[in-house]
Every structure is written in C-alpha cells, then in structure tokens.
Amino acid sequence: KTNSFLCAPIATDMRLIGVMSITENKSKKPYSEQDLRILEIIAGHIALKIEKSHLLSRIDILKKEAEKNGKFTDLGKIAGGISHELNSPLDGVIRYVNLGLNSIEEGVAREYLLEAKGGLLRIANIIRSLLQLVRQKKSSSYKWIDVNKTIEKSIDLMRYQAMYKGVDIKKDFCMNLPKIPDLGIDSILSNIFKNALDSLEAEGSINIATSLENNFVNISISDTGCGISKEHMEHIFEPFFTTKGTTKGTGLGLSICYDIVKRYNGKIDVVSDHGNGTKFIISLPVKNKKLEN
C-alpha cells in the first residue's frame, strides 16, 4: 500500500543471484530515476561481493586440496583448475565494475566499486601467475641461455623501481659460465627481485652474484631488507602463503620459483634473519639428466 517501490536484480552477466526490493512507507512519495540508479549500483556492488566471495572460496578449496596432497604439489594442475573455474566469470565481473566506475560520480558507491575492483584484480593476478606456470610446463622446447645476460635483463626491468626507492644493486658475476637450458629462469629472478624490493622500505642494497661449483651454476641474491621470521621460513614455498596482505601479494611467487628449480633438478636455499635481510641461493645443474632423457 505505497507508491514508493523499487526493485533491482542482484546479478552478474553469468547468473542471477537474487533480487533487491525497497519500499518507502513514510512519505508515500514515489522514488525517482536517480533513486533507482543508486539502487542498481548498490545491487551491483552486492553481486560483486557475493561473486568475489565465491571465487575466493574456490581458491581456498583448491589451496586445502594442495595442502592435503603435500606442501609442494603440482601447481600446474592447480593452475588448470583455477583458470577454468575463474576466468570467464572474473572477466565479466571486472567489465561490469569498470562500466559502473565510468558512469558514477565520486561518492560512497564509487568507493565500494573501487574496493571491489582491487579484490578482483588480485584474483586476476593469481590466475596470471598460475597461467605463467602452465605455459612453462607445456613448453616441450627450450633454448640455451647465458645466465649473466638473463640476470642483467631482469635487473633492467626493476632498475627504475630500485632507483625510486634508493636501492643500490650490486653485481659480482663469474665470467664464462656454461649456458644452461631456459626453463623459466627469468620467472625465478623476477619473483625474488620483487620480494627483495618489497622488503626494503627505502634505501638498502640488493647483491647478485654467480659462480660455478661442482657442475652447478649458482645464483645468489641477497638483500638488506626486513628478513623473514623463523615461524614463516618453513612456509615460504607453500602455494598461496604470503605475509604481504591480500592487496600486495598472491603467495605464488616463491612457489613458482620452487617448481621451476625442481624441474631443473636443482635446489634453492634460503638464509634469513628477521630484521637482517634475506639470501636466496639457486643451484642449477650444468648437465640435466631429465632433459637429456
């Protein structure tokens, strides 16, 4: 018994989740077109929150399955499952968020959409990291690369960020290293370099050295950053483990590093003390029996 009634679907482009109805019983005045527009924005935001919760729940389920099968389970299988489950709905949700942001002015609703977009972009970043791993696993061919030159290219990619933070990059390369197959060394370097930069608030240094010992090419990357606490050390290579918070890290970078080193039949060691920096030592065999077979 009112002239004031609004109804809007809570939906994404993939499915109808529910319906929101609002009745105003006090003034009995009809709602305006602007009121309807605001309700549609709120309903869209609720749909995004529900869809985001669904996507994160799927990630959590896959994470628990990974933990059940062991700390260092095959990330390629996880990647295939996540990309299949999440890519299509995620693309649609992000598209609608962007359309919403382009059509509304500053205000609470816009802030809600920006918050939702931040969470969705984090999910997209997780999928991107995992698909990177899948592409490397599917590749049946590889090229032989100069480790020192590959490191130089990775340094170039982070040089401006390092300069901005006042971080000094120091190199100590062993010359005439034998070439080794490229199974994703650039991914190892970029992930460890990013972690090193993130650990440094301002200034400090990152030291990179290469050496050849017992038919292993060794890459040492150390920083003067915040270090890793003892309780976190045993978990750093586990999929989805991160101490950076949900907006800054996916918890997949070091898992990818571990997986790539494992494919080399090599090893990766970490030395760290909370507050006193971190050192990664990657040892890759010059002769890889797995590839030779």
C-alpha atoms as a PDB file:
ATOM      1  CA  LYS A   1       0.000   0.000   0.000  1.00  0.00           C
ATOM      2  CA  THR A   2       2.555   2.520  -1.162  1.00  0.00           C
ATOM      3  CA  ASN A   3       3.507   4.459  -4.278  1.00  0.00           C
ATOM      4  CA  SER A   4       7.193   4.128  -3.350  1.00  0.00           C
ATOM      5  CA  PHE A   5       8.619   0.853  -4.550  1.00  0.00           C
ATOM      6  CA  LEU A   6      11.931  -0.100  -6.204  1.00  0.00           C
ATOM      7  CA  CYS A   7      13.176  -3.460  -7.434  1.00  0.00           C
ATOM      8  CA  ALA A   8      16.584  -4.318  -8.902  1.00  0.00           C
ATOM      9  CA  PRO A   9      18.281  -7.613  -9.788  1.00  0.00           C
ATOM     10  CA  ILE A  10      21.382  -8.749  -7.908  1.00  0.00           C
ATOM     11  CA  ALA A  11      23.154 -10.274 -10.881  1.00  0.00           C
ATOM     12  CA  THR A  12      26.329 -10.628 -12.899  1.00  0.00           C
ATOM     13  CA  ASP A  13      26.493 -11.303 -16.618  1.00  0.00           C
ATOM     14  CA  MET A  14      26.827 -15.004 -15.741  1.00  0.00           C
ATOM     15  CA  ARG A  15      23.890 -15.569 -13.381  1.00  0.00           C
ATOM     16  CA  LEU A  16      21.022 -14.089 -11.366  1.00  0.00           C
ATOM     17  CA  ILE A  17      21.883 -14.218  -7.674  1.00  0.00           C
ATOM     18  CA  GLY A  18      18.796 -12.580  -6.202  1.00  0.00           C
ATOM     19  CA  VAL A  19      16.516  -9.549  -6.186  1.00  0.00           C
ATOM     20  CA  MET A  20      16.544  -6.425  -4.012  1.00  0.00           C
ATOM     21  CA  SER A  21      13.221  -4.705  -3.303  1.00  0.00           C
ATOM     22  CA  ILE A  22      12.785  -1.499  -1.315  1.00  0.00           C
ATOM     23  CA  THR A  23       9.534   0.070  -0.112  1.00  0.00           C
ATOM     24  CA  GLU A  24       9.290   3.553   1.461  1.00  0.00           C
ATOM     25  CA  ASN A  25       6.316   3.673   3.819  1.00  0.00           C
ATOM     26  CA  LYS A  26       6.621   7.100   5.482  1.00  0.00           C
ATOM     27  CA  SER A  27       6.205   9.857   2.919  1.00  0.00           C
ATOM     28  CA  LYS A  28       4.380   7.695   0.353  1.00  0.00           C
ATOM     29  CA  LYS A  29       6.167   9.678  -2.377  1.00  0.00           C
ATOM     30  CA  PRO A  30       7.402   7.821  -5.464  1.00  0.00           C
ATOM     31  CA  TYR A  31      11.086   7.124  -5.882  1.00  0.00           C
ATOM     32  CA  SER A  32      12.956   8.994  -8.610  1.00  0.00           C
ATOM     33  CA  GLU A  33      15.036   7.725 -11.526  1.00  0.00           C
ATOM     34  CA  GLN A  34      18.109   8.762  -9.532  1.00  0.00           C
ATOM     35  CA  ASP A  35      16.955   6.585  -6.617  1.00  0.00           C
ATOM     36  CA  LEU A  36      16.621   3.629  -8.979  1.00  0.00           C
ATOM     37  CA  ARG A  37      20.078   4.278 -10.367  1.00  0.00           C
ATOM     38  CA  ILE A  38      21.563   4.283  -6.851  1.00  0.00           C
ATOM     39  CA  LEU A  39      19.753   1.024  -6.007  1.00  0.00           C
ATOM     40  CA  GLU A  40      21.093  -0.599  -9.184  1.00  0.00           C
ATOM     41  CA  ILE A  41      24.630   0.439  -8.195  1.00  0.00           C
ATOM     42  CA  ILE A  42      24.172  -0.969  -4.671  1.00  0.00           C
ATOM     43  CA  ALA A  43      22.681  -4.205  -6.060  1.00  0.00           C
ATOM     44  CA  GLY A  44      25.584  -4.483  -8.487  1.00  0.00           C
ATOM     45  CA  HIS A  45      28.045  -3.997  -5.639  1.00  0.00           C
ATOM     46  CA  ILE A  46      26.341  -6.727  -3.595  1.00  0.00           C
ATOM     47  CA  ALA A  47      26.517  -9.053  -6.614  1.00  0.00           C
ATOM     48  CA  LEU A  48      30.230  -8.334  -6.961  1.00  0.00           C
ATOM     49  CA  LYS A  49      30.813  -9.040  -3.271  1.00  0.00           C
ATOM     50  CA  ILE A  50      28.951 -12.359  -3.498  1.00  0.00           C
ATOM     51  CA  GLU A  51      30.787 -13.339  -6.689  1.00  0.00           C
ATOM     52  CA  LYS A  52      34.133 -12.346  -5.191  1.00  0.00           C
ATOM     53  CA  SER A  53      33.351 -14.449  -2.119  1.00  0.00           C
ATOM     54  CA  HIS A  54      32.522 -17.394  -4.393  1.00  0.00           C
ATOM     55  CA  LEU A  55      35.774 -17.017  -6.324  1.00  0.00           C
ATOM     56  CA  LEU A  56      37.867 -16.751  -3.161  1.00  0.00           C
ATOM     57  CA  SER A  57      36.091 -19.802  -1.733  1.00  0.00           C
ATOM     58  CA  ARG A  58      37.094 -21.786  -4.814  1.00  0.00           C
ATOM     59  CA  ILE A  59      40.696 -20.683  -4.325  1.00  0.00           C
ATOM     60  CA  ASP A  60      40.525 -21.681  -0.671  1.00  0.00           C
ATOM     61  CA  ILE A  61      39.179 -25.134  -1.573  1.00  0.00           C
ATOM     62  CA  LEU A  62      41.969 -25.660  -4.097  1.00  0.00           C
ATOM     63  CA  LYS A  63      44.500 -24.451  -1.540  1.00  0.00           C
ATOM     64  CA  LYS A  64      43.259 -27.015   1.000  1.00  0.00           C
ATOM     65  CA  GLU A  65      43.431 -29.734  -1.630  1.00  0.00           C
ATOM     66  CA  ALA A  66      47.021 -28.708  -2.336  1.00  0.00           C
ATOM     67  CA  GLU A  67      47.890 -28.875   1.362  1.00  0.00           C
ATOM     68  CA  LYS A  68      46.230 -32.294   1.636  1.00  0.00           C
ATOM     69  CA  ASN A  69      48.387 -33.658  -1.208  1.00  0.00           C
ATOM     70  CA  GLY A  70      51.591 -32.144   0.173  1.00  0.00           C
ATOM     71  CA  LYS A  71      53.255 -28.747   0.523  1.00  0.00           C
ATOM     72  CA  PHE A  72      54.792 -28.740  -2.924  1.00  0.00           C
ATOM     73  CA  THR A  73      52.057 -30.292  -5.017  1.00  0.00           C
ATOM     74  CA  ASP A  74      51.989 -29.852  -8.792  1.00  0.00           C
ATOM     75  CA  LEU A  75      50.974 -26.214  -9.285  1.00  0.00           C
ATOM     76  CA  GLY A  76      50.244 -26.898 -12.940  1.00  0.00           C
ATOM     77  CA  LYS A  77      47.175 -28.962 -12.001  1.00  0.00           C
ATOM     78  CA  ILE A  78      46.004 -26.271  -9.604  1.00  0.00           C
ATOM     79  CA  ALA A  79      46.514 -23.635 -12.303  1.00  0.00           C
ATOM     80  CA  GLY A  80      44.409 -25.548 -14.806  1.00  0.00           C
ATOM     81  CA  GLY A  81      41.567 -25.887 -12.318  1.00  0.00           C
ATOM     82  CA  ILE A  82      41.646 -22.272 -11.190  1.00  0.00           C
ATOM     83  CA  SER A  83      41.866 -20.783 -14.681  1.00  0.00           C
ATOM     84  CA  HIS A  84      38.958 -22.917 -15.890  1.00  0.00           C
ATOM     85  CA  GLU A  85      36.772 -22.093 -12.883  1.00  0.00           C
ATOM     86  CA  LEU A  86      37.508 -18.390 -12.582  1.00  0.00           C
ATOM     87  CA  ASN A  87      38.498 -16.805 -15.874  1.00  0.00           C
ATOM     88  CA  SER A  88      35.085 -16.435 -17.527  1.00  0.00           C
ATOM     89  CA  PRO A  89      33.115 -15.080 -14.553  1.00  0.00           C
ATOM     90  CA  LEU A  90      36.028 -12.895 -13.498  1.00  0.00           C
ATOM     91  CA  ASP A  91      36.252 -11.181 -16.895  1.00  0.00           C
ATOM     92  CA  GLY A  92      32.553 -10.379 -16.785  1.00  0.00           C
ATOM     93  CA  VAL A  93      32.637  -9.041 -13.244  1.00  0.00           C
ATOM     94  CA  ILE A  94      35.635  -6.785 -13.921  1.00  0.00           C
ATOM     95  CA  ARG A  95      33.953  -5.469 -17.074  1.00  0.00           C
ATOM     96  CA  TYR A  96      30.814  -4.501 -15.151  1.00  0.00           C
ATOM     97  CA  VAL A  97      32.851  -2.882 -12.373  1.00  0.00           C
ATOM     98  CA  ASN A  98      34.630  -0.715 -14.927  1.00  0.00           C
ATOM     99  CA  LEU A  99      31.321   0.236 -16.550  1.00  0.00           C
ATOM    100  CA  GLY A 100      29.982   1.217 -13.137  1.00  0.00           C
ATOM    101  CA  LEU A 101      33.055   3.320 -12.351  1.00  0.00           C
ATOM    102  CA  ASN A 102      32.706   5.137 -15.669  1.00  0.00           C
ATOM    103  CA  SER A 103      29.063   6.020 -15.027  1.00  0.00           C
ATOM    104  CA  ILE A 104      29.010   7.316 -11.449  1.00  0.00           C
ATOM    105  CA  GLU A 105      30.407  10.366  -9.713  1.00  0.00           C
ATOM    106  CA  GLU A 106      32.512  10.494  -6.564  1.00  0.00           C
ATOM    107  CA  GLY A 107      30.800   9.097  -3.503  1.00  0.00           C
ATOM    108  CA  VAL A 108      30.322   6.057  -1.312  1.00  0.00           C
ATOM    109  CA  ALA A 109      29.106   3.857  -4.156  1.00  0.00           C
ATOM    110  CA  ARG A 110      32.215   4.643  -6.201  1.00  0.00           C
ATOM    111  CA  GLU A 111      34.430   3.805  -3.233  1.00  0.00           C
ATOM    112  CA  TYR A 112      32.663   0.463  -2.899  1.00  0.00           C
ATOM    113  CA  LEU A 113      33.291  -0.292  -6.561  1.00  0.00           C
ATOM    114  CA  LEU A 114      36.962   0.664  -6.275  1.00  0.00           C
ATOM    115  CA  GLU A 115      37.310  -1.679  -3.300  1.00  0.00           C
ATOM    116  CA  ALA A 116      35.659  -4.474  -5.268  1.00  0.00           C
ATOM    117  CA  LYS A 117      37.899  -3.818  -8.265  1.00  0.00           C
ATOM    118  CA  GLY A 118      41.000  -4.089  -6.062  1.00  0.00           C
ATOM    119  CA  GLY A 119      39.946  -7.538  -4.876  1.00  0.00           C
ATOM    120  CA  LEU A 120      39.103  -8.677  -8.397  1.00  0.00           C
ATOM    121  CA  LEU A 121      42.458  -7.517  -9.747  1.00  0.00           C
ATOM    122  CA  ARG A 122      44.185  -9.548  -7.027  1.00  0.00           C
ATOM    123  CA  ILE A 123      42.303 -12.648  -8.206  1.00  0.00           C
ATOM    124  CA  ALA A 124      43.294 -11.852 -11.804  1.00  0.00           C
ATOM    125  CA  ASN A 125      46.917 -11.563 -10.672  1.00  0.00           C
ATOM    126  CA  ILE A 126      46.731 -15.018  -9.072  1.00  0.00           C
ATOM    127  CA  ILE A 127      45.370 -16.521 -12.275  1.00  0.00           C
ATOM    128  CA  ARG A 128      48.038 -14.736 -14.339  1.00  0.00           C
ATOM    129  CA  SER A 129      50.794 -16.166 -12.135  1.00  0.00           C
ATOM    130  CA  LEU A 130      49.425 -19.679 -12.401  1.00  0.00           C
ATOM    131  CA  LEU A 131      48.910 -19.491 -16.166  1.00  0.00           C
ATOM    132  CA  GLN A 132      52.523 -18.367 -16.476  1.00  0.00           C
ATOM    133  CA  LEU A 133      53.492 -21.606 -14.763  1.00  0.00           C
ATOM    134  CA  VAL A 134      51.200 -23.674 -17.004  1.00  0.00           C
ATOM    135  CA  ARG A 135      52.712 -22.184 -20.177  1.00  0.00           C
ATOM    136  CA  GLN A 136      56.204 -23.044 -18.970  1.00  0.00           C
ATOM    137  CA  LYS A 137      55.182 -26.615 -18.137  1.00  0.00           C
ATOM    138  CA  LYS A 138      53.540 -27.159 -21.522  1.00  0.00           C
ATOM    139  CA  SER A 139      56.586 -25.985 -23.430  1.00  0.00           C
ATOM    140  CA  SER A 140      58.399 -29.009 -24.881  1.00  0.00           C
ATOM    141  CA  SER A 141      61.247 -26.977 -26.392  1.00  0.00           C
ATOM    142  CA  TYR A 142      63.797 -24.739 -24.743  1.00  0.00           C
ATOM    143  CA  LYS A 143      66.764 -22.601 -25.614  1.00  0.00           C
ATOM    144  CA  TRP A 144      70.192 -22.386 -24.037  1.00  0.00           C
ATOM    145  CA  ILE A 145      70.888 -19.092 -22.342  1.00  0.00           C
ATOM    146  CA  ASP A 146      73.660 -17.080 -20.762  1.00  0.00           C
ATOM    147  CA  VAL A 147      72.770 -16.778 -17.062  1.00  0.00           C
ATOM    148  CA  ASN A 148      74.605 -13.484 -16.541  1.00  0.00           C
ATOM    149  CA  LYS A 149      72.842 -11.839 -19.501  1.00  0.00           C
ATOM    150  CA  THR A 150      69.487 -13.113 -18.278  1.00  0.00           C
ATOM    151  CA  ILE A 151      70.155 -11.589 -14.857  1.00  0.00           C
ATOM    152  CA  GLU A 152      71.121  -8.281 -16.489  1.00  0.00           C
ATOM    153  CA  LYS A 153      67.782  -8.191 -18.339  1.00  0.00           C
ATOM    154  CA  SER A 154      65.887  -8.859 -15.109  1.00  0.00           C
ATOM    155  CA  ILE A 155      67.845  -6.095 -13.351  1.00  0.00           C
ATOM    156  CA  ASP A 156      66.928  -3.665 -16.140  1.00  0.00           C
ATOM    157  CA  LEU A 157      63.225  -4.356 -15.533  1.00  0.00           C
ATOM    158  CA  MET A 158      63.460  -3.365 -11.867  1.00  0.00           C
ATOM    159  CA  ARG A 159      66.110  -0.645 -12.175  1.00  0.00           C
ATOM    160  CA  TYR A 160      63.732   2.347 -12.097  1.00  0.00           C
ATOM    161  CA  GLN A 161      61.806   0.997  -9.122  1.00  0.00           C
ATOM    162  CA  ALA A 162      65.113   0.435  -7.321  1.00  0.00           C
ATOM    163  CA  MET A 163      66.256   3.983  -8.141  1.00  0.00           C
ATOM    164  CA  TYR A 164      62.947   5.382  -6.869  1.00  0.00           C
ATOM    165  CA  LYS A 165      63.424   3.629  -3.521  1.00  0.00           C
ATOM    166  CA  GLY A 166      67.127   4.482  -3.337  1.00  0.00           C
ATOM    167  CA  VAL A 167      68.184   0.818  -3.525  1.00  0.00           C
ATOM    168  CA  ASP A 168      71.712   0.046  -4.711  1.00  0.00           C
ATOM    169  CA  ILE A 169      72.083  -3.017  -6.958  1.00  0.00           C
ATOM    170  CA  LYS A 170      75.493  -4.701  -6.746  1.00  0.00           C
ATOM    171  CA  LYS A 171      76.738  -7.418  -9.109  1.00  0.00           C
ATOM    172  CA  ASP A 172      79.554  -9.960  -8.852  1.00  0.00           C
ATOM    173  CA  PHE A 173      79.416 -12.225 -11.891  1.00  0.00           C
ATOM    174  CA  CYS A 174      81.538 -15.240 -12.679  1.00  0.00           C
ATOM    175  CA  MET A 175      82.617 -14.881 -16.296  1.00  0.00           C
ATOM    176  CA  ASN A 176      82.437 -17.687 -18.887  1.00  0.00           C
ATOM    177  CA  LEU A 177      79.654 -19.594 -17.184  1.00  0.00           C
ATOM    178  CA  PRO A 178      78.368 -22.524 -19.275  1.00  0.00           C
ATOM    179  CA  LYS A 179      74.979 -21.984 -20.873  1.00  0.00           C
ATOM    180  CA  ILE A 180      72.021 -23.784 -19.364  1.00  0.00           C
ATOM    181  CA  PRO A 181      68.507 -24.505 -20.701  1.00  0.00           C
ATOM    182  CA  ASP A 182      65.869 -21.860 -20.120  1.00  0.00           C
ATOM    183  CA  LEU A 183      63.048 -23.459 -18.157  1.00  0.00           C
ATOM    184  CA  GLY A 184      61.902 -20.191 -16.617  1.00  0.00           C
ATOM    185  CA  ILE A 185      64.954 -18.561 -15.037  1.00  0.00           C
ATOM    186  CA  ASP A 186      63.511 -15.102 -15.689  1.00  0.00           C
ATOM    187  CA  SER A 187      60.467 -16.010 -13.556  1.00  0.00           C
ATOM    188  CA  ILE A 188      62.738 -17.077 -10.698  1.00  0.00           C
ATOM    189  CA  LEU A 189      64.675 -13.828 -10.903  1.00  0.00           C
ATOM    190  CA  SER A 190      61.675 -11.510 -11.237  1.00  0.00           C
ATOM    191  CA  ASN A 191      59.881 -13.074  -8.258  1.00  0.00           C
ATOM    192  CA  ILE A 192      62.912 -12.968  -5.968  1.00  0.00           C
ATOM    193  CA  PHE A 193      63.883  -9.457  -7.090  1.00  0.00           C
ATOM    194  CA  LYS A 194      60.328  -8.240  -6.425  1.00  0.00           C
ATOM    195  CA  ASN A 195      60.363  -9.743  -2.929  1.00  0.00           C
ATOM    196  CA  ALA A 196      63.737  -8.132  -2.255  1.00  0.00           C
ATOM    197  CA  LEU A 197      62.469  -4.700  -3.307  1.00  0.00           C
ATOM    198  CA  ASP A 198      59.282  -5.123  -1.273  1.00  0.00           C
ATOM    199  CA  SER A 199      61.364  -5.942   1.816  1.00  0.00           C
ATOM    200  CA  LEU A 200      63.219  -2.633   1.546  1.00  0.00           C
ATOM    201  CA  GLU A 201      61.241   0.376   2.717  1.00  0.00           C
ATOM    202  CA  ALA A 202      63.829   2.892   1.486  1.00  0.00           C
ATOM    203  CA  GLU A 203      67.474   2.649   0.532  1.00  0.00           C
ATOM    204  CA  GLY A 204      69.469  -0.503   1.244  1.00  0.00           C
ATOM    205  CA  SER A 205      71.013  -2.847  -1.321  1.00  0.00           C
ATOM    206  CA  ILE A 206      70.436  -5.983  -3.375  1.00  0.00           C
ATOM    207  CA  ASN A 207      73.515  -8.087  -4.112  1.00  0.00           C
ATOM    208  CA  ILE A 208      73.590 -10.548  -7.004  1.00  0.00           C
ATOM    209  CA  ALA A 209      76.433 -12.999  -7.604  1.00  0.00           C
ATOM    210  CA  THR A 210      77.023 -16.003  -9.868  1.00  0.00           C
ATOM    211  CA  SER A 211      79.514 -18.823  -9.558  1.00  0.00           C
ATOM    212  CA  LEU A 212      80.332 -22.278 -10.918  1.00  0.00           C
ATOM    213  CA  GLU A 213      80.909 -25.115  -8.478  1.00  0.00           C
ATOM    214  CA  ASN A 214      80.806 -28.896  -8.965  1.00  0.00           C
ATOM    215  CA  ASN A 215      78.986 -28.612 -12.302  1.00  0.00           C
ATOM    216  CA  PHE A 216      76.313 -26.364 -10.790  1.00  0.00           C
ATOM    217  CA  VAL A 217      75.645 -22.762 -11.784  1.00  0.00           C
ATOM    218  CA  ASN A 218      74.919 -20.877  -8.558  1.00  0.00           C
ATOM    219  CA  ILE A 219      72.909 -17.650  -8.406  1.00  0.00           C
ATOM    220  CA  SER A 220      72.999 -15.777  -5.104  1.00  0.00           C
ATOM    221  CA  ILE A 221      70.538 -12.945  -4.439  1.00  0.00           C
ATOM    222  CA  SER A 222      70.709 -11.178  -1.076  1.00  0.00           C
ATOM    223  CA  ASP A 223      69.088  -8.036   0.278  1.00  0.00           C
ATOM    224  CA  THR A 224      69.374  -5.846   3.353  1.00  0.00           C
ATOM    225  CA  GLY A 225      65.631  -5.787   3.918  1.00  0.00           C
ATOM    226  CA  CYS A 226      63.347  -6.816   6.761  1.00  0.00           C
ATOM    227  CA  GLY A 227      64.140 -10.522   6.550  1.00  0.00           C
ATOM    228  CA  ILE A 228      61.854 -13.494   7.224  1.00  0.00           C
ATOM    229  CA  SER A 229      60.777 -14.588  10.684  1.00  0.00           C
ATOM    230  CA  LYS A 230      61.532 -18.137  11.870  1.00  0.00           C
ATOM    231  CA  GLU A 231      57.855 -19.118  12.025  1.00  0.00           C
ATOM    232  CA  HIS A 232      57.394 -18.134   8.367  1.00  0.00           C
ATOM    233  CA  MET A 233      60.543 -19.743   6.965  1.00  0.00           C
ATOM    234  CA  GLU A 234      59.109 -23.253   6.694  1.00  0.00           C
ATOM    235  CA  HIS A 235      56.070 -21.989   4.766  1.00  0.00           C
ATOM    236  CA  ILE A 236      57.543 -19.587   2.199  1.00  0.00           C
ATOM    237  CA  PHE A 237      57.438 -22.074  -0.703  1.00  0.00           C
ATOM    238  CA  GLU A 238      53.884 -23.220   0.004  1.00  0.00           C
ATOM    239  CA  PRO A 239      51.253 -22.180  -2.568  1.00  0.00           C
ATOM    240  CA  PHE A 240      49.269 -19.085  -1.537  1.00  0.00           C
ATOM    241  CA  PHE A 241      51.341 -18.378   1.564  1.00  0.00           C
ATOM    242  CA  THR A 242      52.082 -14.661   1.874  1.00  0.00           C
ATOM    243  CA  THR A 243      52.868 -12.149   4.615  1.00  0.00           C
ATOM    244  CA  LYS A 244      52.233  -9.110   2.382  1.00  0.00           C
ATOM    245  CA  GLY A 245      48.485  -8.919   2.857  1.00  0.00           C
ATOM    246  CA  THR A 246      45.735  -9.629   0.358  1.00  0.00           C
ATOM    247  CA  THR A 247      46.260  -6.448  -1.666  1.00  0.00           C
ATOM    248  CA  LYS A 248      50.005  -6.819  -2.252  1.00  0.00           C
ATOM    249  CA  GLY A 249      50.839 -10.487  -2.665  1.00  0.00           C
ATOM    250  CA  THR A 250      49.336 -13.665  -4.131  1.00  0.00           C
ATOM    251  CA  GLY A 251      51.563 -16.111  -2.285  1.00  0.00           C
ATOM    252  CA  LEU A 252      52.560 -17.812  -5.541  1.00  0.00           C
ATOM    253  CA  GLY A 253      55.873 -16.196  -6.480  1.00  0.00           C
ATOM    254  CA  LEU A 254      58.188 -18.414  -4.420  1.00  0.00           C
ATOM    255  CA  SER A 255      56.043 -21.482  -5.130  1.00  0.00           C
ATOM    256  CA  ILE A 256      56.658 -20.882  -8.831  1.00  0.00           C
ATOM    257  CA  CYS A 257      60.388 -20.446  -8.142  1.00  0.00           C
ATOM    258  CA  TYR A 258      60.470 -23.739  -6.256  1.00  0.00           C
ATOM    259  CA  ASP A 259      58.626 -25.552  -9.042  1.00  0.00           C
ATOM    260  CA  ILE A 260      60.968 -24.251 -11.747  1.00  0.00           C
ATOM    261  CA  VAL A 261      64.094 -25.175  -9.748  1.00  0.00           C
ATOM    262  CA  LYS A 262      62.625 -28.645  -9.198  1.00  0.00           C
ATOM    263  CA  ARG A 263      62.248 -29.065 -12.975  1.00  0.00           C
ATOM    264  CA  TYR A 264      65.952 -28.285 -13.320  1.00  0.00           C
ATOM    265  CA  ASN A 265      66.672 -30.997 -10.739  1.00  0.00           C
ATOM    266  CA  GLY A 266      68.388 -28.189  -8.858  1.00  0.00           C
ATOM    267  CA  LYS A 267      67.926 -26.731  -5.395  1.00  0.00           C
ATOM    268  CA  ILE A 268      67.022 -23.439  -3.769  1.00  0.00           C
ATOM    269  CA  ASP A 269      68.190 -22.488  -0.281  1.00  0.00           C
ATOM    270  CA  VAL A 270      67.187 -19.529   1.873  1.00  0.00           C
ATOM    271  CA  VAL A 271      69.101 -17.886   4.695  1.00  0.00           C
ATOM    272  CA  SER A 272      67.305 -15.135   6.592  1.00  0.00           C
ATOM    273  CA  ASP A 273      67.068 -13.473   9.955  1.00  0.00           C
ATOM    274  CA  HIS A 274      64.129 -11.252  10.822  1.00  0.00           C
ATOM    275  CA  GLY A 275      65.310  -7.650  10.549  1.00  0.00           C
ATOM    276  CA  ASN A 276      68.640  -8.552   8.939  1.00  0.00           C
ATOM    277  CA  GLY A 277      67.912  -9.324   5.309  1.00  0.00           C
ATOM    278  CA  THR A 278      67.438 -12.458   3.199  1.00  0.00           C
ATOM    279  CA  LYS A 279      69.665 -14.501   0.897  1.00  0.00           C
ATOM    280  CA  PHE A 280      68.459 -16.919  -1.783  1.00  0.00           C
ATOM    281  CA  ILE A 281      70.916 -19.360  -3.356  1.00  0.00           C
ATOM    282  CA  ILE A 282      69.730 -21.112  -6.524  1.00  0.00           C
ATOM    283  CA  SER A 283      71.861 -24.024  -7.770  1.00  0.00           C
ATOM    284  CA  LEU A 284      71.140 -25.317 -11.275  1.00  0.00           C
ATOM    285  CA  PRO A 285      72.970 -28.295 -12.834  1.00  0.00           C
ATOM    286  CA  VAL A 286      75.019 -27.726 -15.967  1.00  0.00           C
ATOM    287  CA  LYS A 287      74.050 -31.204 -17.202  1.00  0.00           C
ATOM    288  CA  ASN A 288      70.388 -32.019 -16.672  1.00  0.00           C
ATOM    289  CA  LYS A 289      69.670 -35.741 -16.942  1.00  0.00           C
ATOM    290  CA  LYS A 290      65.919 -35.090 -17.056  1.00  0.00           C
ATOM    291  CA  LEU A 291      66.281 -33.075 -20.241  1.00  0.00           C
ATOM    292  CA  GLU A 292      68.841 -35.376 -21.783  1.00  0.00           C
ATOM    293  CA  ASN A 293      66.408 -38.273 -21.421  1.00  0.00           C
END
